PDB file of all heavy atoms in Angstrom:
ATOM      1  N   LYS A   1      66.073 -72.680 -17.831  1.00  0.00           N
ATOM      2  CA  LYS A   1      66.552 -73.864 -18.559  1.00  0.00           C
ATOM      3  C   LYS A   1      67.439 -73.467 -19.737  1.00  0.00           C
ATOM      4  O   LYS A   1      68.487 -74.060 -19.962  1.00  0.00           O
ATOM      5  CB  LYS A   1      65.372 -74.704 -19.042  1.00  0.00           C
ATOM      6  CG  LYS A   1      65.759 -75.853 -19.969  1.00  0.00           C
ATOM      7  CD  LYS A   1      64.546 -76.710 -20.280  1.00  0.00           C
ATOM      8  CE  LYS A   1      64.821 -77.711 -21.378  1.00  0.00           C
ATOM      9  NZ  LYS A   1      64.694 -77.111 -22.719  1.00  0.00           N
ATOM     10  N   GLU A   2      67.019 -72.464 -20.487  1.00  0.00           N
ATOM     11  CA  GLU A   2      67.799 -72.065 -21.660  1.00  0.00           C
ATOM     12  C   GLU A   2      69.160 -71.520 -21.252  1.00  0.00           C
ATOM     13  O   GLU A   2      70.182 -71.841 -21.877  1.00  0.00           O
ATOM     14  CB  GLU A   2      67.031 -71.030 -22.483  1.00  0.00           C
ATOM     15  CG  GLU A   2      67.700 -70.701 -23.797  1.00  0.00           C
ATOM     16  CD  GLU A   2      66.781 -69.928 -24.745  1.00  0.00           C
ATOM     17  OE1 GLU A   2      65.865 -70.547 -25.310  1.00  0.00           O
ATOM     18  OE2 GLU A   2      66.995 -68.720 -24.899  1.00  0.00           O
ATOM     19  N   ALA A   3      69.193 -70.703 -20.211  1.00  0.00           N
ATOM     20  CA  ALA A   3      70.472 -70.162 -19.734  1.00  0.00           C
ATOM     21  C   ALA A   3      71.389 -71.284 -19.242  1.00  0.00           C
ATOM     22  O   ALA A   3      72.598 -71.286 -19.506  1.00  0.00           O
ATOM     23  CB  ALA A   3      70.224 -69.152 -18.608  1.00  0.00           C
ATOM     24  N   LEU A   4      70.804 -72.240 -18.538  1.00  0.00           N
ATOM     25  CA  LEU A   4      71.561 -73.398 -18.050  1.00  0.00           C
ATOM     26  C   LEU A   4      72.192 -74.152 -19.223  1.00  0.00           C
ATOM     27  O   LEU A   4      73.375 -74.526 -19.176  1.00  0.00           O
ATOM     28  CB  LEU A   4      70.610 -74.310 -17.265  1.00  0.00           C
ATOM     29  CG  LEU A   4      71.130 -75.597 -16.626  1.00  0.00           C
ATOM     30  CD1 LEU A   4      70.282 -75.927 -15.411  1.00  0.00           C
ATOM     31  CD2 LEU A   4      71.074 -76.764 -17.606  1.00  0.00           C
ATOM     32  N   ILE A   5      71.415 -74.351 -20.299  1.00  0.00           N
ATOM     33  CA  ILE A   5      71.932 -75.109 -21.444  1.00  0.00           C
ATOM     34  C   ILE A   5      73.025 -74.331 -22.164  1.00  0.00           C
ATOM     35  O   ILE A   5      74.010 -74.917 -22.624  1.00  0.00           O
ATOM     36  CB  ILE A   5      70.785 -75.497 -22.396  1.00  0.00           C
ATOM     37  CG1 ILE A   5      69.915 -76.578 -21.729  1.00  0.00           C
ATOM     38  CG2 ILE A   5      71.318 -75.994 -23.739  1.00  0.00           C
ATOM     39  CD1 ILE A   5      68.683 -76.984 -22.505  1.00  0.00           C
ATOM     40  N   PHE A   6      72.916 -73.009 -22.243  1.00  0.00           N
ATOM     41  CA  PHE A   6      73.981 -72.239 -22.894  1.00  0.00           C
ATOM     42  C   PHE A   6      75.283 -72.310 -22.078  1.00  0.00           C
ATOM     43  O   PHE A   6      76.379 -72.374 -22.654  1.00  0.00           O
ATOM     44  CB  PHE A   6      73.551 -70.788 -23.123  1.00  0.00           C
ATOM     45  CG  PHE A   6      72.876 -70.599 -24.446  1.00  0.00           C
ATOM     46  CD1 PHE A   6      71.515 -70.806 -24.584  1.00  0.00           C
ATOM     47  CD2 PHE A   6      73.603 -70.260 -25.575  1.00  0.00           C
ATOM     48  CE1 PHE A   6      70.886 -70.671 -25.809  1.00  0.00           C
ATOM     49  CE2 PHE A   6      72.986 -70.121 -26.810  1.00  0.00           C
ATOM     50  CZ  PHE A   6      71.623 -70.321 -26.932  1.00  0.00           C
ATOM     51  N   ALA A   7      75.169 -72.320 -20.749  1.00  0.00           N
ATOM     52  CA  ALA A   7      76.359 -72.520 -19.924  1.00  0.00           C
ATOM     53  C   ALA A   7      76.945 -73.911 -20.163  1.00  0.00           C
ATOM     54  O   ALA A   7      78.167 -74.083 -20.272  1.00  0.00           O
ATOM     55  CB  ALA A   7      76.007 -72.337 -18.448  1.00  0.00           C
ATOM     56  N   PHE A   8      76.073 -74.900 -20.281  1.00  0.00           N
ATOM     57  CA  PHE A   8      76.501 -76.274 -20.570  1.00  0.00           C
ATOM     58  C   PHE A   8      77.202 -76.352 -21.925  1.00  0.00           C
ATOM     59  O   PHE A   8      78.221 -77.037 -22.091  1.00  0.00           O
ATOM     60  CB  PHE A   8      75.276 -77.185 -20.527  1.00  0.00           C
ATOM     61  CG  PHE A   8      75.538 -78.620 -20.840  1.00  0.00           C
ATOM     62  CD1 PHE A   8      76.440 -79.365 -20.096  1.00  0.00           C
ATOM     63  CD2 PHE A   8      74.876 -79.238 -21.886  1.00  0.00           C
ATOM     64  CE1 PHE A   8      76.678 -80.700 -20.381  1.00  0.00           C
ATOM     65  CE2 PHE A   8      75.092 -80.576 -22.181  1.00  0.00           C
ATOM     66  CZ  PHE A   8      76.003 -81.307 -21.431  1.00  0.00           C
ATOM     67  N   MET A   9      76.674 -75.618 -22.917  1.00  0.00           N
ATOM     68  CA  MET A   9      77.326 -75.567 -24.231  1.00  0.00           C
ATOM     69  C   MET A   9      78.744 -75.004 -24.127  1.00  0.00           C
ATOM     70  O   MET A   9      79.651 -75.438 -24.840  1.00  0.00           O
ATOM     71  CB  MET A   9      76.511 -74.703 -25.193  1.00  0.00           C
ATOM     72  CG  MET A   9      75.224 -75.346 -25.672  1.00  0.00           C
ATOM     73  SD  MET A   9      74.296 -74.228 -26.761  1.00  0.00           S
ATOM     74  CE  MET A   9      75.449 -74.101 -28.138  1.00  0.00           C
ATOM     75  N   GLY A  10      78.902 -74.024 -23.223  1.00  0.00           N
ATOM     76  CA  GLY A  10      80.239 -73.459 -23.011  1.00  0.00           C
ATOM     77  C   GLY A  10      81.205 -74.497 -22.462  1.00  0.00           C
ATOM     78  O   GLY A  10      82.367 -74.572 -22.886  1.00  0.00           O
ATOM     79  N   ILE A  11      80.726 -75.311 -21.527  1.00  0.00           N
ATOM     80  CA  ILE A  11      81.560 -76.381 -20.962  1.00  0.00           C
ATOM     81  C   ILE A  11      81.941 -77.385 -22.051  1.00  0.00           C
ATOM     82  O   ILE A  11      83.097 -77.804 -22.163  1.00  0.00           O
ATOM     83  CB  ILE A  11      80.826 -77.082 -19.803  1.00  0.00           C
ATOM     84  CG1 ILE A  11      80.666 -76.126 -18.623  1.00  0.00           C
ATOM     85  CG2 ILE A  11      81.577 -78.343 -19.361  1.00  0.00           C
ATOM     86  CD1 ILE A  11      79.756 -76.647 -17.529  1.00  0.00           C
ATOM     87  N   LEU A  12      80.974 -77.761 -22.871  1.00  0.00           N
ATOM     88  CA  LEU A  12      81.255 -78.685 -23.972  1.00  0.00           C
ATOM     89  C   LEU A  12      82.294 -78.100 -24.916  1.00  0.00           C
ATOM     90  O   LEU A  12      83.208 -78.804 -25.379  1.00  0.00           O
ATOM     91  CB  LEU A  12      79.961 -79.003 -24.739  1.00  0.00           C
ATOM     92  CG  LEU A  12      78.895 -79.800 -23.987  1.00  0.00           C
ATOM     93  CD1 LEU A  12      77.604 -79.879 -24.804  1.00  0.00           C
ATOM     94  CD2 LEU A  12      79.384 -81.208 -23.653  1.00  0.00           C
ATOM     95  N   ARG A  13      82.203 -76.807 -25.195  1.00  0.00           N
ATOM     96  CA  ARG A  13      83.167 -76.147 -26.098  1.00  0.00           C
ATOM     97  C   ARG A  13      84.562 -76.156 -25.476  1.00  0.00           C
ATOM     98  O   ARG A  13      85.553 -76.425 -26.170  1.00  0.00           O
ATOM     99  CB  ARG A  13      82.710 -74.712 -26.381  1.00  0.00           C
ATOM    100  CG  ARG A  13      83.687 -73.921 -27.264  1.00  0.00           C
ATOM    101  CD  ARG A  13      83.707 -74.481 -28.676  1.00  0.00           C
ATOM    102  NE  ARG A  13      84.729 -73.838 -29.485  1.00  0.00           N
ATOM    103  CZ  ARG A  13      85.968 -74.297 -29.645  1.00  0.00           C
ATOM    104  NH1 ARG A  13      86.348 -75.413 -29.033  1.00  0.00           N
ATOM    105  NH2 ARG A  13      86.827 -73.657 -30.416  1.00  0.00           N
ATOM    106  N   LEU A  14      84.647 -75.868 -24.187  1.00  0.00           N
ATOM    107  CA  LEU A  14      85.959 -75.884 -23.517  1.00  0.00           C
ATOM    108  C   LEU A  14      86.605 -77.258 -23.601  1.00  0.00           C
ATOM    109  O   LEU A  14      87.824 -77.383 -23.684  1.00  0.00           O
ATOM    110  CB  LEU A  14      85.800 -75.469 -22.046  1.00  0.00           C
ATOM    111  CG  LEU A  14      85.543 -73.976 -21.782  1.00  0.00           C
ATOM    112  CD1 LEU A  14      85.173 -73.758 -20.330  1.00  0.00           C
ATOM    113  CD2 LEU A  14      86.766 -73.143 -22.152  1.00  0.00           C
ATOM    114  N   ASN A  15      85.775 -78.302 -23.590  1.00  0.00           N
ATOM    115  CA  ASN A  15      86.271 -79.676 -23.691  1.00  0.00           C
ATOM    116  C   ASN A  15      86.364 -80.158 -25.136  1.00  0.00           C
ATOM    117  O   ASN A  15      86.678 -81.330 -25.389  1.00  0.00           O
ATOM    118  CB  ASN A  15      85.360 -80.618 -22.899  1.00  0.00           C
ATOM    119  CG  ASN A  15      85.428 -80.365 -21.407  1.00  0.00           C
ATOM    120  OD1 ASN A  15      86.418 -79.864 -20.899  1.00  0.00           O
ATOM    121  ND2 ASN A  15      84.352 -80.696 -20.704  1.00  0.00           N
ATOM    122  N   ASN A  16      86.078 -79.252 -26.086  1.00  0.00           N
ATOM    123  CA  ASN A  16      86.109 -79.576 -27.517  1.00  0.00           C
ATOM    124  C   ASN A  16      85.173 -80.730 -27.864  1.00  0.00           C
ATOM    125  O   ASN A  16      85.475 -81.562 -28.726  1.00  0.00           O
ATOM    126  CB  ASN A  16      87.527 -79.881 -28.000  1.00  0.00           C
ATOM    127  CG  ASN A  16      87.696 -79.623 -29.486  1.00  0.00           C
ATOM    128  OD1 ASN A  16      87.044 -78.737 -30.043  1.00  0.00           O
ATOM    129  ND2 ASN A  16      88.557 -80.389 -30.136  1.00  0.00           N
ATOM    130  N   GLU A  17      84.017 -80.773 -27.167  1.00  0.00           N
ATOM    131  CA  GLU A  17      83.004 -81.790 -27.440  1.00  0.00           C
ATOM    132  C   GLU A  17      81.877 -81.173 -28.259  1.00  0.00           C
ATOM    133  O   GLU A  17      81.681 -79.955 -28.260  1.00  0.00           O
ATOM    134  CB  GLU A  17      82.452 -82.351 -26.125  1.00  0.00           C
ATOM    135  CG  GLU A  17      83.498 -83.067 -25.276  1.00  0.00           C
ATOM    136  CD  GLU A  17      82.916 -83.566 -23.959  1.00  0.00           C
ATOM    137  OE1 GLU A  17      81.801 -84.133 -23.983  1.00  0.00           O
ATOM    138  OE2 GLU A  17      83.565 -83.365 -22.913  1.00  0.00           O
ATOM    139  N   ILE A  18      81.122 -82.007 -28.942  1.00  0.00           N
ATOM    140  CA  ILE A  18      80.010 -81.524 -29.772  1.00  0.00           C
ATOM    141  C   ILE A  18      79.015 -80.725 -28.929  1.00  0.00           C
ATOM    142  O   ILE A  18      78.570 -81.191 -27.884  1.00  0.00           O
ATOM    143  CB  ILE A  18      79.304 -82.709 -30.458  1.00  0.00           C
ATOM    144  CG1 ILE A  18      80.207 -83.292 -31.550  1.00  0.00           C
ATOM    145  CG2 ILE A  18      77.955 -82.292 -31.043  1.00  0.00           C
ATOM    146  CD1 ILE A  18      79.724 -84.616 -32.092  1.00  0.00           C
ATOM    147  N   ASN A  19      78.681 -79.529 -29.388  1.00  0.00           N
ATOM    148  CA  ASN A  19      77.672 -78.731 -28.690  1.00  0.00           C
ATOM    149  C   ASN A  19      76.597 -78.176 -29.628  1.00  0.00           C
ATOM    150  O   ASN A  19      75.711 -77.442 -29.196  1.00  0.00           O
ATOM    151  CB  ASN A  19      78.309 -77.602 -27.869  1.00  0.00           C
ATOM    152  CG  ASN A  19      78.974 -76.536 -28.727  1.00  0.00           C
ATOM    153  OD1 ASN A  19      78.970 -76.608 -29.955  1.00  0.00           O
ATOM    154  ND2 ASN A  19      79.552 -75.539 -28.068  1.00  0.00           N
ATOM    155  N   VAL A  20      76.655 -78.534 -30.911  1.00  0.00           N
ATOM    156  CA  VAL A  20      75.616 -78.157 -31.869  1.00  0.00           C
ATOM    157  C   VAL A  20      75.241 -79.392 -32.689  1.00  0.00           C
ATOM    158  O   VAL A  20      76.116 -80.074 -33.225  1.00  0.00           O
ATOM    159  CB  VAL A  20      76.086 -77.025 -32.806  1.00  0.00           C
ATOM    160  CG1 VAL A  20      75.002 -76.715 -33.852  1.00  0.00           C
ATOM    161  CG2 VAL A  20      76.402 -75.766 -32.016  1.00  0.00           C
ATOM    162  N   LEU A  21      73.957 -79.670 -32.769  1.00  0.00           N
ATOM    163  CA  LEU A  21      73.468 -80.849 -33.486  1.00  0.00           C
ATOM    164  C   LEU A  21      72.995 -80.463 -34.886  1.00  0.00           C
ATOM    165  O   LEU A  21      72.109 -79.613 -35.029  1.00  0.00           O
ATOM    166  CB  LEU A  21      72.317 -81.496 -32.715  1.00  0.00           C
ATOM    167  CG  LEU A  21      72.664 -82.046 -31.329  1.00  0.00           C
ATOM    168  CD1 LEU A  21      71.396 -82.519 -30.622  1.00  0.00           C
ATOM    169  CD2 LEU A  21      73.666 -83.195 -31.447  1.00  0.00           C
ATOM    170  N   SER A  22      73.569 -81.101 -35.894  1.00  0.00           N
ATOM    171  CA  SER A  22      73.180 -80.806 -37.276  1.00  0.00           C
ATOM    172  C   SER A  22      71.721 -81.155 -37.545  1.00  0.00           C
ATOM    173  O   SER A  22      71.064 -80.522 -38.371  1.00  0.00           O
ATOM    174  CB  SER A  22      74.086 -81.574 -38.243  1.00  0.00           C
ATOM    175  OG  SER A  22      73.978 -82.971 -38.029  1.00  0.00           O
ATOM    176  N   SER A  23      71.193 -82.155 -36.803  1.00  0.00           N
ATOM    177  CA  SER A  23      69.798 -82.542 -37.005  1.00  0.00           C
ATOM    178  C   SER A  23      68.842 -81.437 -36.588  1.00  0.00           C
ATOM    179  O   SER A  23      67.702 -81.381 -37.049  1.00  0.00           O
ATOM    180  CB  SER A  23      69.488 -83.823 -36.218  1.00  0.00           C
ATOM    181  OG  SER A  23      69.697 -83.622 -34.826  1.00  0.00           O
ATOM    182  N   ALA A  24      69.297 -80.526 -35.704  1.00  0.00           N
ATOM    183  CA  ALA A  24      68.460 -79.411 -35.253  1.00  0.00           C
ATOM    184  C   ALA A  24      68.661 -78.151 -36.096  1.00  0.00           C
ATOM    185  O   ALA A  24      67.710 -77.437 -36.398  1.00  0.00           O
ATOM    186  CB  ALA A  24      68.744 -79.097 -33.785  1.00  0.00           C
ATOM    187  N   THR A  25      69.920 -77.892 -36.497  1.00  0.00           N
ATOM    188  CA  THR A  25      70.213 -76.634 -37.200  1.00  0.00           C
ATOM    189  C   THR A  25      70.280 -76.774 -38.708  1.00  0.00           C
ATOM    190  O   THR A  25      70.237 -75.782 -39.428  1.00  0.00           O
ATOM    191  CB  THR A  25      71.556 -76.037 -36.736  1.00  0.00           C
ATOM    192  OG1 THR A  25      72.622 -76.894 -37.175  1.00  0.00           O
ATOM    193  CG2 THR A  25      71.606 -75.888 -35.227  1.00  0.00           C
ATOM    194  N   GLY A  26      70.434 -78.011 -39.200  1.00  0.00           N
ATOM    195  CA  GLY A  26      70.573 -78.213 -40.638  1.00  0.00           C
ATOM    196  C   GLY A  26      71.985 -78.031 -41.148  1.00  0.00           C
ATOM    197  O   GLY A  26      72.217 -78.005 -42.365  1.00  0.00           O
ATOM    198  N   SER A  27      72.983 -77.918 -40.246  1.00  0.00           N
ATOM    199  CA  SER A  27      74.383 -77.806 -40.672  1.00  0.00           C
ATOM    200  C   SER A  27      74.867 -79.132 -41.253  1.00  0.00           C
ATOM    201  O   SER A  27      74.216 -80.168 -41.105  1.00  0.00           O
ATOM    202  CB  SER A  27      75.262 -77.391 -39.489  1.00  0.00           C
ATOM    203  OG  SER A  27      75.188 -78.333 -38.447  1.00  0.00           O
ATOM    204  N   SER A  28      76.014 -79.091 -41.905  1.00  0.00           N
ATOM    205  CA  SER A  28      76.504 -80.281 -42.610  1.00  0.00           C
ATOM    206  C   SER A  28      76.885 -81.407 -41.669  1.00  0.00           C
ATOM    207  O   SER A  28      76.842 -82.580 -42.036  1.00  0.00           O
ATOM    208  CB  SER A  28      77.691 -79.904 -43.506  1.00  0.00           C
ATOM    209  OG  SER A  28      78.722 -79.308 -42.731  1.00  0.00           O
TER     210      SER A  28
END
């Protein structure tokens, strides 16, 4: 599951879509 999601994050990045949630990481 984790590997699948990291591949999915790559697809989101290629499409310039959000792939990191501030509510989870505490980013701005």
